[in-house]
Amino acid sequence: SVSMEVTDLAMAKLRELGADTSVFAKRAGFITTWHIIGPFPSPNKSAFDRAFFPEETIDLSKGGAFEGKALAWKEVTNDRVPARIDLTEHLSPTDNVAAYATCVLLSDRDRKVKFRIGSDDGCVFWLNGEKLHATNADRSFSLDQDLVVGSLRMGENRLLIKVLNGGGDWQFCVRITNPGNRPID
């Protein structure tokens, strides 16, 4: 769209001038940096109900192995609004697969939050090892498709999301708001 083209041009100019443009996405509540790993096979969407090693252990320095193949975590960042992570840019193959993304959030206090998840296709979402949400849907991406209530504890909080893909686009984003729907930076 024309407004996105203008926004992209303005952001590019700000970056040329040395500005940290990630502040806009972060102020809108988007998580801009993730570690991703995959892909894992998902014939007939079977990965929705199948647990792979990231659901048991997350070691960003070691990664893990699946079917004799070593997989490494890869850091990806998108500081645009929305801060959507396009998994097709980073992983292959992209049809009938699943991937995981993780990050650590720091909270200055215990608090209730809303996680606003958009994914293409379905997803499973954990906070500090507790599964909070799962949707096994064939769908296109849009912002805030899934609203998930959770509680951040003071200090570090680990998010993990498994994103499924049957074919075509494969992407996700997560943003965080308070219970009154105001973004949390």
Protein backbone atom coordinates (compact mmCIF):
# COMPACT_ATOMS: atom_id res chain seq x y z
CA SER A 1 0.00 0.00 0.00
CA VAL A 2 1.03 3.62 -0.46
CA SER A 3 1.15 4.32 3.29
CA MET A 4 3.51 1.35 3.86
CA GLU A 5 5.76 2.58 1.04
CA VAL A 6 5.92 6.04 2.63
CA THR A 7 6.55 4.51 6.06
CA ASP A 8 9.32 2.31 4.64
CA LEU A 9 10.97 5.30 2.96
CA ALA A 10 10.77 7.36 6.16
CA MET A 11 12.23 4.53 8.23
CA ALA A 12 15.06 4.00 5.70
CA LYS A 13 15.89 7.71 5.90
CA LEU A 14 15.89 7.61 9.71
CA ARG A 15 18.24 4.59 9.65
CA GLU A 16 20.55 6.47 7.22
CA LEU A 17 20.68 9.26 9.79
CA GLY A 18 21.70 6.78 12.48
CA ALA A 19 18.36 6.56 14.28
CA ASP A 20 17.32 3.39 16.11
CA THR A 21 14.06 2.65 14.31
CA SER A 22 13.33 -0.44 16.42
CA VAL A 23 11.88 1.90 19.05
CA PHE A 24 8.66 2.24 17.01
CA ALA A 25 7.99 -1.50 16.89
CA LYS A 26 8.95 -1.95 20.53
CA ARG A 27 6.69 0.90 21.66
CA ALA A 28 3.85 -0.80 19.79
CA GLY A 29 4.52 -3.90 21.93
CA PHE A 30 6.14 -6.05 19.22
CA ILE A 31 8.86 -8.55 20.06
CA THR A 32 11.50 -7.73 17.45
CA THR A 33 14.23 -10.33 18.11
CA TRP A 34 13.75 -14.09 18.19
CA HIS A 35 15.84 -17.24 17.95
CA ILE A 36 14.37 -19.74 15.47
CA ILE A 37 15.06 -23.40 14.76
CA GLY A 38 13.71 -25.90 12.26
CA PRO A 39 12.17 -27.00 10.10
CA PHE A 40 10.57 -30.12 11.54
CA PRO A 41 8.37 -32.37 9.36
CA SER A 42 4.63 -31.98 9.62
CA PRO A 43 2.87 -34.25 7.13
CA ASN A 44 -0.90 -33.81 7.47
CA LYS A 45 -0.31 -31.17 10.21
CA SER A 46 1.07 -33.89 12.51
CA ALA A 47 3.58 -31.50 14.17
CA PHE A 48 0.70 -29.80 15.96
CA ASP A 49 0.46 -32.75 18.36
CA ARG A 50 4.09 -33.87 18.17
CA ALA A 51 6.69 -32.55 20.60
CA PHE A 52 10.17 -31.91 19.20
CA PHE A 53 13.26 -31.18 21.30
CA PRO A 54 12.68 -27.40 21.73
CA GLU A 55 9.61 -28.24 23.81
CA GLU A 56 11.86 -30.12 26.24
CA THR A 57 15.16 -28.21 26.21
CA ILE A 58 16.20 -24.84 24.83
CA ASP A 59 19.95 -24.37 24.60
CA LEU A 60 20.70 -21.54 22.19
CA SER A 61 24.41 -22.39 22.12
CA LYS A 62 23.97 -26.11 21.33
CA GLY A 63 20.75 -26.37 19.34
CA GLY A 64 19.77 -30.00 18.94
CA ALA A 65 19.50 -32.95 16.61
CA PHE A 66 16.53 -34.35 14.76
CA GLU A 67 16.68 -37.56 12.72
CA GLY A 68 20.48 -37.42 12.75
CA LYS A 69 20.65 -33.84 11.50
CA ALA A 70 22.11 -31.09 13.69
CA LEU A 71 19.90 -28.01 13.96
CA ALA A 72 21.13 -24.67 15.29
CA TRP A 73 19.21 -21.73 16.70
CA LYS A 74 19.41 -18.66 14.47
CA GLU A 75 18.81 -15.11 15.67
CA VAL A 76 16.40 -13.10 13.52
CA THR A 77 15.26 -9.51 13.94
CA ASN A 78 12.58 -7.39 12.36
CA ASP A 79 12.17 -3.86 13.68
CA ARG A 80 9.42 -2.85 11.26
CA VAL A 81 5.80 -2.37 12.24
CA PRO A 82 4.47 -5.02 12.36
CA ALA A 83 7.58 -6.94 13.47
CA ARG A 84 6.59 -10.02 11.53
CA ILE A 85 9.12 -12.86 11.24
CA ASP A 86 8.99 -14.46 7.78
CA LEU A 87 10.18 -18.02 8.34
CA THR A 88 10.38 -18.70 4.58
CA GLU A 89 13.34 -16.29 4.46
CA HIS A 90 15.32 -18.27 7.03
CA LEU A 91 14.35 -21.95 6.84
CA SER A 92 14.00 -24.59 4.15
CA PRO A 93 12.00 -26.60 3.21
CA THR A 94 8.85 -24.60 3.89
CA ASP A 95 5.95 -26.92 3.01
CA ASN A 96 4.37 -29.30 5.55
CA VAL A 97 6.72 -28.24 8.33
CA ALA A 98 6.90 -26.58 11.73
CA ALA A 99 9.50 -24.33 13.37
CA TYR A 100 10.09 -22.93 16.82
CA ALA A 101 10.92 -19.42 17.92
CA THR A 102 11.96 -18.36 21.39
CA CYS A 103 12.93 -15.23 23.26
CA VAL A 104 13.39 -14.06 26.83
CA LEU A 105 11.38 -11.11 28.13
CA LEU A 106 12.49 -9.12 31.14
CA SER A 107 9.80 -7.75 33.40
CA ASP A 108 10.38 -5.25 36.20
CA ARG A 109 7.49 -6.78 38.19
CA ASP A 110 4.89 -9.54 38.24
CA ARG A 111 2.07 -8.55 35.91
CA LYS A 112 -0.83 -9.77 33.81
CA VAL A 113 -0.44 -9.26 30.06
CA LYS A 114 -2.11 -10.07 26.77
CA PHE A 115 -0.06 -11.76 24.07
CA ARG A 116 -1.37 -10.81 20.63
CA ILE A 117 -0.28 -13.48 18.19
CA GLY A 118 -0.54 -13.53 14.42
CA SER A 119 0.53 -16.67 12.55
CA ASP A 120 0.38 -18.33 9.16
CA ASP A 121 -0.63 -21.16 9.67
CA GLY A 122 -1.47 -22.40 13.18
CA CYS A 123 0.65 -22.14 16.32
CA VAL A 124 1.29 -23.42 19.82
CA PHE A 125 2.43 -20.90 22.45
CA TRP A 126 4.19 -21.39 25.81
CA LEU A 127 5.19 -18.97 28.57
CA ASN A 128 7.80 -20.23 31.06
CA GLY A 129 7.15 -23.81 30.00
CA GLU A 130 3.36 -23.62 30.39
CA LYS A 131 1.28 -24.10 27.25
CA LEU A 132 -1.11 -21.16 27.09
CA HIS A 133 -2.54 -21.46 23.59
CA ALA A 134 -2.84 -23.72 20.56
CA THR A 135 -4.65 -23.35 17.26
CA ASN A 136 -4.40 -25.91 14.47
CA ALA A 137 -5.67 -23.66 11.69
CA ASP A 138 -4.97 -23.25 7.99
CA ARG A 139 -4.96 -19.48 7.81
CA SER A 140 -3.31 -16.40 6.43
CA PHE A 141 -1.42 -14.03 8.69
CA SER A 142 -3.09 -11.05 10.31
CA LEU A 143 -2.28 -9.08 13.43
CA ASP A 144 -3.76 -10.09 16.75
CA GLN A 145 -5.48 -13.25 15.48
CA ASP A 146 -5.08 -14.88 18.87
CA LEU A 147 -5.37 -13.03 22.19
CA VAL A 148 -3.76 -14.98 25.02
CA VAL A 149 -3.79 -13.86 28.64
CA GLY A 150 -0.71 -14.68 30.69
CA SER A 151 1.32 -13.54 33.68
CA LEU A 152 4.89 -12.33 33.45
CA ARG A 153 6.93 -12.85 36.57
CA MET A 154 9.52 -10.36 37.75
CA GLY A 155 12.80 -11.07 35.97
CA GLU A 156 13.25 -13.39 33.00
CA ASN A 157 10.34 -14.98 31.16
CA ARG A 158 10.85 -17.46 28.30
CA LEU A 159 8.42 -17.46 25.38
CA LEU A 160 8.28 -20.35 22.93
CA ILE A 161 6.09 -20.55 19.86
CA LYS A 162 5.74 -23.40 17.37
CA VAL A 163 4.51 -22.17 13.98
CA LEU A 164 3.07 -24.68 11.53
CA ASN A 165 2.95 -24.41 7.75
CA GLY A 166 1.14 -26.46 5.14
CA GLY A 167 2.37 -24.42 2.19
CA GLY A 168 2.80 -20.88 0.94
CA ASP A 169 3.52 -18.06 3.38
CA TRP A 170 4.96 -18.99 6.79
CA GLN A 171 5.21 -16.18 9.31
CA PHE A 172 4.31 -14.95 12.77
CA CYS A 173 4.53 -12.02 15.14
CA VAL A 174 3.82 -11.49 18.81
CA ARG A 175 3.11 -8.25 20.59
CA ILE A 176 2.32 -7.61 24.22
CA THR A 177 -0.21 -5.31 25.83
CA ASN A 178 -1.44 -4.77 29.34
CA PRO A 179 -4.97 -5.99 30.25
CA GLY A 180 -6.29 -2.57 29.13
CA ASN A 181 -4.79 -3.13 25.66
CA ARG A 182 -1.97 -0.57 25.95
CA PRO A 183 1.28 -1.81 24.36
CA ILE A 184 4.13 -2.78 26.68
CA ASP A 185 7.57 -1.70 25.42
